[in-house]
C-alpha atoms as a PDB file:
ATOM      1  CA  MET A   1      37.917  59.497 -42.466  1.00  0.00           C
ATOM      2  CA  SER A   2      40.350  61.407 -40.308  1.00  0.00           C
ATOM      3  CA  GLN A   3      43.577  59.669 -39.367  1.00  0.00           C
ATOM      4  CA  GLU A   4      45.386  60.068 -36.065  1.00  0.00           C
ATOM      5  CA  ALA A   5      49.139  60.109 -35.628  1.00  0.00           C
ATOM      6  CA  ASP A   6      50.636  57.058 -33.934  1.00  0.00           C
ATOM      7  CA  ARG A   7      51.635  58.128 -30.427  1.00  0.00           C
ATOM      8  CA  LEU A   8      50.816  54.851 -28.680  1.00  0.00           C
ATOM      9  CA  PHE A   9      54.350  54.328 -27.349  1.00  0.00           C
ATOM     10  CA  ALA A  10      55.389  57.967 -26.996  1.00  0.00           C
ATOM     11  CA  GLN A  11      55.116  58.012 -23.198  1.00  0.00           C
ATOM     12  CA  PRO A  12      57.094  55.743 -20.852  1.00  0.00           C
ATOM     13  CA  LEU A  13      55.147  52.616 -19.875  1.00  0.00           C
ATOM     14  CA  GLY A  14      55.867  50.891 -16.580  1.00  0.00           C
ATOM     15  CA  GLN A  15      55.263  47.529 -18.221  1.00  0.00           C
ATOM     16  CA  VAL A  16      54.910  47.221 -21.971  1.00  0.00           C
ATOM     17  CA  PRO A  17      52.012  44.863 -22.802  1.00  0.00           C
ATOM     18  CA  ASP A  18      52.052  42.526 -25.771  1.00  0.00           C
ATOM     19  CA  PHE A  19      50.885  44.153 -28.981  1.00  0.00           C
ATOM     20  CA  VAL A  20      47.169  43.708 -29.680  1.00  0.00           C
ATOM     21  CA  PHE A  21      45.117  44.907 -32.645  1.00  0.00           C
ATOM     22  CA  ASN A  22      42.636  46.743 -30.431  1.00  0.00           C
ATOM     23  CA  GLU A  23      40.712  49.997 -30.859  1.00  0.00           C
ATOM     24  CA  ASP A  24      43.756  52.100 -29.947  1.00  0.00           C
ATOM     25  CA  VAL A  25      45.817  50.456 -32.691  1.00  0.00           C
ATOM     26  CA  ALA A  26      42.954  50.577 -35.214  1.00  0.00           C
ATOM     27  CA  ARG A  27      42.595  54.313 -34.632  1.00  0.00           C
ATOM     28  CA  VAL A  28      46.225  55.062 -35.601  1.00  0.00           C
ATOM     29  CA  PHE A  29      46.947  52.077 -37.854  1.00  0.00           C
ATOM     30  CA  PRO A  30      47.261  53.916 -41.204  1.00  0.00           C
ATOM     31  CA  ASP A  31      49.929  56.206 -39.743  1.00  0.00           C
ATOM     32  CA  MET A  32      51.630  53.375 -37.846  1.00  0.00           C
ATOM     33  CA  ILE A  33      51.972  51.022 -40.799  1.00  0.00           C
ATOM     34  CA  LYS A  34      53.140  53.723 -43.221  1.00  0.00           C
ATOM     35  CA  ARG A  35      55.857  54.882 -40.811  1.00  0.00           C
ATOM     36  CA  SER A  36      56.913  51.357 -39.777  1.00  0.00           C
ATOM     37  CA  VAL A  37      56.947  49.252 -42.956  1.00  0.00           C
ATOM     38  CA  PRO A  38      59.235  50.400 -45.797  1.00  0.00           C
ATOM     39  CA  GLY A  39      57.472  50.225 -49.144  1.00  0.00           C
ATOM     40  CA  TYR A  40      54.035  49.575 -47.662  1.00  0.00           C
ATOM     41  CA  PRO A  41      52.028  51.824 -50.046  1.00  0.00           C
ATOM     42  CA  THR A  42      53.842  50.298 -53.030  1.00  0.00           C
ATOM     43  CA  ILE A  43      53.119  46.764 -51.828  1.00  0.00           C
ATOM     44  CA  VAL A  44      49.432  47.458 -51.265  1.00  0.00           C
ATOM     45  CA  GLU A  45      48.788  49.160 -54.591  1.00  0.00           C
ATOM     46  CA  ASN A  46      50.670  46.523 -56.552  1.00  0.00           C
ATOM     47  CA  ILE A  47      48.846  43.666 -54.847  1.00  0.00           C
ATOM     48  CA  GLY A  48      45.837  45.126 -56.614  1.00  0.00           C
ATOM     49  CA  VAL A  49      47.738  45.184 -59.918  1.00  0.00           C
ATOM     50  CA  LEU A  50      48.944  41.593 -59.445  1.00  0.00           C
ATOM     51  CA  ALA A  51      45.445  40.488 -58.491  1.00  0.00           C
ATOM     52  CA  GLY A  52      44.194  41.895 -61.773  1.00  0.00           C
ATOM     53  CA  HIS A  53      46.426  39.349 -63.513  1.00  0.00           C
ATOM     54  CA  PHE A  54      45.445  36.311 -61.438  1.00  0.00           C
ATOM     55  CA  ALA A  55      41.758  36.923 -60.653  1.00  0.00           C
ATOM     56  CA  ARG A  56      39.371  34.685 -62.560  1.00  0.00           C
ATOM     57  CA  PRO A  57      35.732  35.472 -63.440  1.00  0.00           C
ATOM     58  CA  ASP A  58      33.100  34.124 -61.033  1.00  0.00           C
ATOM     59  CA  SER A  59      35.623  33.596 -58.240  1.00  0.00           C
ATOM     60  CA  VAL A  60      36.324  34.663 -54.684  1.00  0.00           C
ATOM     61  CA  LEU A  61      39.301  36.865 -53.721  1.00  0.00           C
ATOM     62  CA  TYR A  62      40.447  36.693 -50.100  1.00  0.00           C
ATOM     63  CA  ASP A  63      42.137  39.423 -48.075  1.00  0.00           C
ATOM     64  CA  LEU A  64      43.255  37.534 -44.957  1.00  0.00           C
ATOM     65  CA  GLY A  65      44.168  39.692 -41.989  1.00  0.00           C
ATOM     66  CA  CYS A  66      42.565  42.621 -43.773  1.00  0.00           C
ATOM     67  CA  SER A  67      43.019  45.162 -40.931  1.00  0.00           C
ATOM     68  CA  LEU A  68      41.450  48.398 -42.261  1.00  0.00           C
ATOM     69  CA  GLY A  69      40.996  47.028 -45.768  1.00  0.00           C
ATOM     70  CA  ALA A  70      43.814  48.734 -47.696  1.00  0.00           C
ATOM     71  CA  VAL A  71      44.450  45.622 -49.805  1.00  0.00           C
ATOM     72  CA  THR A  72      40.730  45.075 -50.312  1.00  0.00           C
ATOM     73  CA  GLN A  73      40.423  48.613 -51.636  1.00  0.00           C
ATOM     74  CA  ALA A  74      43.324  47.951 -54.040  1.00  0.00           C
ATOM     75  CA  LEU A  75      41.653  44.738 -55.235  1.00  0.00           C
ATOM     76  CA  ARG A  76      38.466  46.629 -55.925  1.00  0.00           C
ATOM     77  CA  ARG A  77      40.311  49.318 -57.907  1.00  0.00           C
ATOM     78  CA  HIS A  78      42.278  46.957 -60.133  1.00  0.00           C
ATOM     79  CA  VAL A  79      40.432  43.661 -60.609  1.00  0.00           C
ATOM     80  CA  LYS A  80      38.292  43.753 -63.740  1.00  0.00           C
ATOM     81  CA  ALA A  81      37.374  40.066 -63.976  1.00  0.00           C
ATOM     82  CA  GLU A  82      33.609  39.703 -64.019  1.00  0.00           C
ATOM     83  CA  ARG A  83      31.487  38.606 -61.074  1.00  0.00           C
ATOM     84  CA  CYS A  84      34.316  38.395 -58.537  1.00  0.00           C
ATOM     85  CA  GLN A  85      33.715  38.917 -54.837  1.00  0.00           C
ATOM     86  CA  VAL A  86      36.181  39.963 -52.134  1.00  0.00           C
ATOM     87  CA  ILE A  87      36.004  38.327 -48.713  1.00  0.00           C
ATOM     88  CA  ALA A  88      38.005  40.398 -46.210  1.00  0.00           C
ATOM     89  CA  VAL A  89      38.745  38.615 -42.935  1.00  0.00           C
ATOM     90  CA  ASP A  90      40.183  39.804 -39.631  1.00  0.00           C
ATOM     91  CA  ASN A  91      39.889  38.515 -36.072  1.00  0.00           C
ATOM     92  CA  SER A  92      39.961  42.011 -34.523  1.00  0.00           C
ATOM     93  CA  ALA A  93      36.497  43.470 -33.944  1.00  0.00           C
ATOM     94  CA  ALA A  94      37.979  46.978 -33.865  1.00  0.00           C
ATOM     95  CA  MET A  95      39.693  46.483 -37.225  1.00  0.00           C
ATOM     96  CA  VAL A  96      36.591  44.956 -38.815  1.00  0.00           C
ATOM     97  CA  ALA A  97      34.369  47.827 -37.687  1.00  0.00           C
ATOM     98  CA  ARG A  98      36.716  50.463 -39.083  1.00  0.00           C
ATOM     99  CA  CYS A  99      37.338  48.440 -42.243  1.00  0.00           C
ATOM    100  CA  ARG A 100      33.629  48.533 -42.995  1.00  0.00           C
ATOM    101  CA  GLU A 101      33.634  52.312 -42.539  1.00  0.00           C
ATOM    102  CA  TYR A 102      36.573  52.747 -44.914  1.00  0.00           C
ATOM    103  CA  LEU A 103      34.926  50.547 -47.539  1.00  0.00           C
ATOM    104  CA  GLN A 104      31.675  52.482 -47.265  1.00  0.00           C
ATOM    105  CA  ALA A 105      33.674  55.642 -47.920  1.00  0.00           C
ATOM    106  CA  GLN A 106      35.229  53.976 -50.986  1.00  0.00           C
ATOM    107  CA  ASP A 107      31.757  52.998 -52.209  1.00  0.00           C
ATOM    108  CA  ALA A 108      30.737  56.664 -52.044  1.00  0.00           C
ATOM    109  CA  MET A 109      33.685  57.673 -54.255  1.00  0.00           C
ATOM    110  CA  PHE A 110      33.618  54.991 -56.963  1.00  0.00           C
ATOM    111  CA  GLN A 111      31.022  53.141 -59.001  1.00  0.00           C
ATOM    112  CA  GLU A 112      30.911  49.497 -60.077  1.00  0.00           C
ATOM    113  CA  LEU A 113      33.314  48.212 -57.431  1.00  0.00           C
ATOM    114  CA  LEU A 114      33.622  44.544 -56.549  1.00  0.00           C
ATOM    115  CA  PRO A 115      31.240  43.470 -53.783  1.00  0.00           C
ATOM    116  CA  VAL A 116      32.888  42.846 -50.412  1.00  0.00           C
ATOM    117  CA  ASP A 117      31.969  40.740 -47.417  1.00  0.00           C
ATOM    118  CA  VAL A 118      33.926  41.834 -44.326  1.00  0.00           C
ATOM    119  CA  VAL A 119      34.061  38.959 -41.844  1.00  0.00           C
ATOM    120  CA  GLU A 120      35.236  38.896 -38.248  1.00  0.00           C
ATOM    121  CA  ALA A 121      36.786  35.427 -38.003  1.00  0.00           C
ATOM    122  CA  ASP A 122      39.920  33.427 -37.297  1.00  0.00           C
ATOM    123  CA  ILE A 123      41.622  32.605 -40.609  1.00  0.00           C
ATOM    124  CA  LEU A 124      42.719  29.297 -39.062  1.00  0.00           C
ATOM    125  CA  GLN A 125      39.075  28.271 -38.703  1.00  0.00           C
ATOM    126  CA  LEU A 126      37.763  29.631 -41.988  1.00  0.00           C
ATOM    127  CA  ASP A 127      36.013  27.339 -44.451  1.00  0.00           C
ATOM    128  CA  TYR A 128      37.769  28.449 -47.639  1.00  0.00           C
ATOM    129  CA  GLN A 129      35.751  28.640 -50.836  1.00  0.00           C
ATOM    130  CA  PRO A 130      37.335  27.968 -54.231  1.00  0.00           C
ATOM    131  CA  CYS A 131      39.261  31.170 -54.956  1.00  0.00           C
ATOM    132  CA  SER A 132      41.605  32.658 -57.533  1.00  0.00           C
ATOM    133  CA  LEU A 133      43.484  35.120 -55.326  1.00  0.00           C
ATOM    134  CA  VAL A 134      44.502  35.097 -51.664  1.00  0.00           C
ATOM    135  CA  ALA A 135      46.350  38.078 -50.191  1.00  0.00           C
ATOM    136  CA  MET A 136      48.066  37.791 -46.824  1.00  0.00           C
ATOM    137  CA  ASN A 137      49.689  41.153 -46.232  1.00  0.00           C
ATOM    138  CA  PHE A 138      51.838  40.939 -43.078  1.00  0.00           C
ATOM    139  CA  THR A 139      49.462  38.418 -41.541  1.00  0.00           C
ATOM    140  CA  LEU A 140      51.206  35.030 -41.457  1.00  0.00           C
ATOM    141  CA  GLN A 141      53.905  36.398 -39.122  1.00  0.00           C
ATOM    142  CA  PHE A 142      51.243  36.723 -36.401  1.00  0.00           C
ATOM    143  CA  VAL A 143      50.119  33.095 -36.771  1.00  0.00           C
ATOM    144  CA  ALA A 144      51.776  30.562 -34.460  1.00  0.00           C
ATOM    145  CA  THR A 145      54.689  28.960 -36.276  1.00  0.00           C
ATOM    146  CA  GLU A 146      53.367  25.418 -35.880  1.00  0.00           C
ATOM    147  CA  GLN A 147      50.009  26.421 -37.408  1.00  0.00           C
ATOM    148  CA  ARG A 148      51.427  27.997 -40.556  1.00  0.00           C
ATOM    149  CA  PRO A 149      51.944  24.834 -42.660  1.00  0.00           C
ATOM    150  CA  GLU A 150      48.364  23.596 -42.388  1.00  0.00           C
ATOM    151  CA  LEU A 151      46.935  27.068 -43.052  1.00  0.00           C
ATOM    152  CA  LEU A 152      48.973  27.391 -46.239  1.00  0.00           C
ATOM    153  CA  ALA A 153      48.025  23.857 -47.304  1.00  0.00           C
ATOM    154  CA  ARG A 154      44.330  24.703 -46.886  1.00  0.00           C
ATOM    155  CA  ILE A 155      44.765  27.869 -48.938  1.00  0.00           C
ATOM    156  CA  ARG A 156      46.578  25.915 -51.630  1.00  0.00           C
ATOM    157  CA  ARG A 157      43.748  23.369 -51.817  1.00  0.00           C
ATOM    158  CA  ALA A 158      41.224  26.193 -52.249  1.00  0.00           C
ATOM    159  CA  LEU A 159      43.125  27.983 -55.032  1.00  0.00           C
ATOM    160  CA  LEU A 160      41.816  27.574 -58.560  1.00  0.00           C
ATOM    161  CA  PRO A 161      44.169  26.822 -61.487  1.00  0.00           C
ATOM    162  CA  GLY A 162      45.797  30.047 -62.631  1.00  0.00           C
ATOM    163  CA  GLY A 163      45.284  31.721 -59.258  1.00  0.00           C
ATOM    164  CA  ALA A 164      47.873  32.855 -56.739  1.00  0.00           C
ATOM    165  CA  LEU A 165      48.688  33.540 -53.111  1.00  0.00           C
ATOM    166  CA  ILE A 166      50.399  36.889 -52.497  1.00  0.00           C
ATOM    167  CA  LEU A 167      52.279  36.745 -49.213  1.00  0.00           C
ATOM    168  CA  SER A 168      53.951  39.811 -47.662  1.00  0.00           C
ATOM    169  CA  GLU A 169      56.096  39.362 -44.559  1.00  0.00           C
ATOM    170  CA  LYS A 170      58.852  40.868 -42.469  1.00  0.00           C
ATOM    171  CA  LEU A 171      61.959  38.736 -43.009  1.00  0.00           C
ATOM    172  CA  ARG A 172      64.703  37.543 -40.756  1.00  0.00           C
ATOM    173  CA  PHE A 173      68.077  36.575 -42.171  1.00  0.00           C
ATOM    174  CA  GLU A 174      70.246  33.558 -41.439  1.00  0.00           C
ATOM    175  CA  ASP A 175      73.455  35.547 -41.866  1.00  0.00           C
ATOM    176  CA  ALA A 176      74.048  37.486 -38.633  1.00  0.00           C
ATOM    177  CA  ALA A 177      75.774  40.411 -40.331  1.00  0.00           C
ATOM    178  CA  GLU A 178      72.955  40.755 -42.889  1.00  0.00           C
ATOM    179  CA  GLN A 179      70.362  40.580 -40.125  1.00  0.00           C
ATOM    180  CA  ALA A 180      72.168  43.263 -38.112  1.00  0.00           C
ATOM    181  CA  LEU A 181      72.583  45.592 -41.074  1.00  0.00           C
ATOM    182  CA  LEU A 182      68.985  45.406 -42.242  1.00  0.00           C
ATOM    183  CA  THR A 183      67.714  45.758 -38.675  1.00  0.00           C
ATOM    184  CA  ASP A 184      69.794  48.916 -38.254  1.00  0.00           C
ATOM    185  CA  LEU A 185      68.550  50.294 -41.567  1.00  0.00           C
ATOM    186  CA  HIS A 186      64.957  49.592 -40.568  1.00  0.00           C
ATOM    187  CA  LEU A 187      65.506  51.498 -37.331  1.00  0.00           C
ATOM    188  CA  ASP A 188      66.899  54.387 -39.363  1.00  0.00           C
ATOM    189  CA  PHE A 189      63.731  54.259 -41.473  1.00  0.00           C
ATOM    190  CA  LYS A 190      61.609  54.578 -38.336  1.00  0.00           C
ATOM    191  CA  ARG A 191      63.712  57.459 -37.015  1.00  0.00           C
ATOM    192  CA  ALA A 192      63.418  59.225 -40.351  1.00  0.00           C
ATOM    193  CA  ASN A 193      59.639  58.907 -40.019  1.00  0.00           C
ATOM    194  CA  GLY A 194      59.613  60.649 -36.663  1.00  0.00           C
ATOM    195  CA  TYR A 195      59.664  57.814 -34.128  1.00  0.00           C
ATOM    196  CA  SER A 196      61.695  58.484 -30.985  1.00  0.00           C
ATOM    197  CA  GLU A 197      64.102  56.016 -29.418  1.00  0.00           C
ATOM    198  CA  LEU A 198      61.534  55.443 -26.648  1.00  0.00           C
ATOM    199  CA  GLU A 199      58.788  54.663 -29.150  1.00  0.00           C
ATOM    200  CA  ILE A 200      61.031  52.310 -31.084  1.00  0.00           C
ATOM    201  CA  ALA A 201      62.155  50.450 -27.946  1.00  0.00           C
ATOM    202  CA  GLN A 202      58.673  50.106 -26.463  1.00  0.00           C
ATOM    203  CA  LYS A 203      57.107  48.998 -29.756  1.00  0.00           C
ATOM    204  CA  ARG A 204      59.845  46.369 -30.115  1.00  0.00           C
ATOM    205  CA  SER A 205      59.108  45.077 -26.608  1.00  0.00           C
ATOM    206  CA  ALA A 206      55.390  44.952 -27.356  1.00  0.00           C
ATOM    207  CA  ILE A 207      55.711  43.007 -30.588  1.00  0.00           C
ATOM    208  CA  GLU A 208      58.681  40.669 -30.044  1.00  0.00           C
ATOM    209  CA  HIS A 209      56.587  37.895 -28.440  1.00  0.00           C
ATOM    210  CA  VAL A 210      53.686  38.331 -30.877  1.00  0.00           C
ATOM    211  CA  MET A 211      55.288  38.555 -34.313  1.00  0.00           C
ATOM    212  CA  LYS A 212      57.645  35.745 -35.379  1.00  0.00           C
ATOM    213  CA  PRO A 213      59.333  36.430 -38.765  1.00  0.00           C
ATOM    214  CA  ASP A 214      60.783  33.693 -40.959  1.00  0.00           C
ATOM    215  CA  SER A 215      63.597  33.733 -43.491  1.00  0.00           C
ATOM    216  CA  LEU A 216      62.902  33.828 -47.213  1.00  0.00           C
ATOM    217  CA  GLN A 217      64.164  30.260 -47.467  1.00  0.00           C
ATOM    218  CA  GLN A 218      61.752  29.114 -44.738  1.00  0.00           C
ATOM    219  CA  HIS A 219      58.855  30.735 -46.570  1.00  0.00           C
ATOM    220  CA  ARG A 220      59.866  29.138 -49.843  1.00  0.00           C
ATOM    221  CA  GLU A 221      60.240  25.650 -48.365  1.00  0.00           C
ATOM    222  CA  ARG A 222      56.990  25.866 -46.417  1.00  0.00           C
ATOM    223  CA  LEU A 223      55.041  27.031 -49.465  1.00  0.00           C
ATOM    224  CA  LEU A 224      56.464  24.271 -51.631  1.00  0.00           C
ATOM    225  CA  ASP A 225      55.719  21.716 -48.910  1.00  0.00           C
ATOM    226  CA  ALA A 226      52.128  23.033 -48.831  1.00  0.00           C
ATOM    227  CA  GLY A 227      51.749  22.120 -52.498  1.00  0.00           C
ATOM    228  CA  PHE A 228      52.588  25.334 -54.303  1.00  0.00           C
ATOM    229  CA  SER A 229      54.559  24.767 -57.508  1.00  0.00           C
ATOM    230  CA  ARG A 230      56.589  27.966 -57.613  1.00  0.00           C
ATOM    231  CA  VAL A 231      57.479  30.850 -55.272  1.00  0.00           C
ATOM    232  CA  VAL A 232      58.450  34.147 -56.892  1.00  0.00           C
ATOM    233  CA  PRO A 233      59.678  37.110 -54.803  1.00  0.00           C
ATOM    234  CA  TRP A 234      58.373  40.254 -56.478  1.00  0.00           C
ATOM    235  CA  PHE A 235      59.259  42.972 -53.946  1.00  0.00           C
ATOM    236  CA  GLN A 236      61.737  43.660 -51.163  1.00  0.00           C
ATOM    237  CA  CYS A 237      62.533  46.833 -49.267  1.00  0.00           C
ATOM    238  CA  LEU A 238      65.019  46.370 -46.409  1.00  0.00           C
ATOM    239  CA  ASN A 239      63.702  43.490 -44.282  1.00  0.00           C
ATOM    240  CA  PHE A 240      60.185  43.441 -45.745  1.00  0.00           C
ATOM    241  CA  ALA A 241      59.262  41.375 -48.779  1.00  0.00           C
ATOM    242  CA  SER A 242      56.332  40.072 -50.797  1.00  0.00           C
ATOM    243  CA  LEU A 243      56.073  36.768 -52.661  1.00  0.00           C
ATOM    244  CA  ILE A 244      53.821  35.234 -55.297  1.00  0.00           C
ATOM    245  CA  ALA A 245      53.060  31.543 -54.678  1.00  0.00           C
ATOM    246  CA  LEU A 246      51.557  29.693 -57.627  1.00  0.00           C
ATOM    247  CA  PRO A 247      49.437  26.523 -57.366  1.00  0.00           C
END
């Protein structure tokens, strides 16, 4: 499938609306995420590798907030456990429609891939099946802060022994100087990837009321409170990180 360059915020907007995962975003999302999130391709591919370690035969693997299905595709490439199924979930109709197209294209390129069910649903309302792997790749940060504990507790209850939750998030930092430095470095990353000052400013305005990052310590405490036994950071690039939470 052809991919468009992200130019959504390239022209001055009289009033910048809150960020929404609509058709406009879905159309440019691969370019947007690659140019906005340091280490994104590495995170995605290695979620597949990690899933290969934790996936159990005859179990469900969840990709929550699947967007266009990049993590789902990685799961299908790397998981060799027998009779697993991926359930990819997103609440954006535009993302779900395009995700299905991307997965159909993957089916045409590879044989013997894991079966996938792409579901348009709210992950807060999902009835979770027993599962060995749950991936939340930059998804929890868009869930209301007060709803995060119960969601993680429900995921923990659904996880099978030996399984794992892989949680990737943008981080904020308690130390003001550390926060300022990593924010500046992230802006440099965006500039190096071709975003203008106008695009950076307007995207920040669009997303600041929608995405609420937590600190690494907050993530750790919340996961432990939800019943996870151990939280292991496995990746960080600037202010973006990914964690393994074990049941």
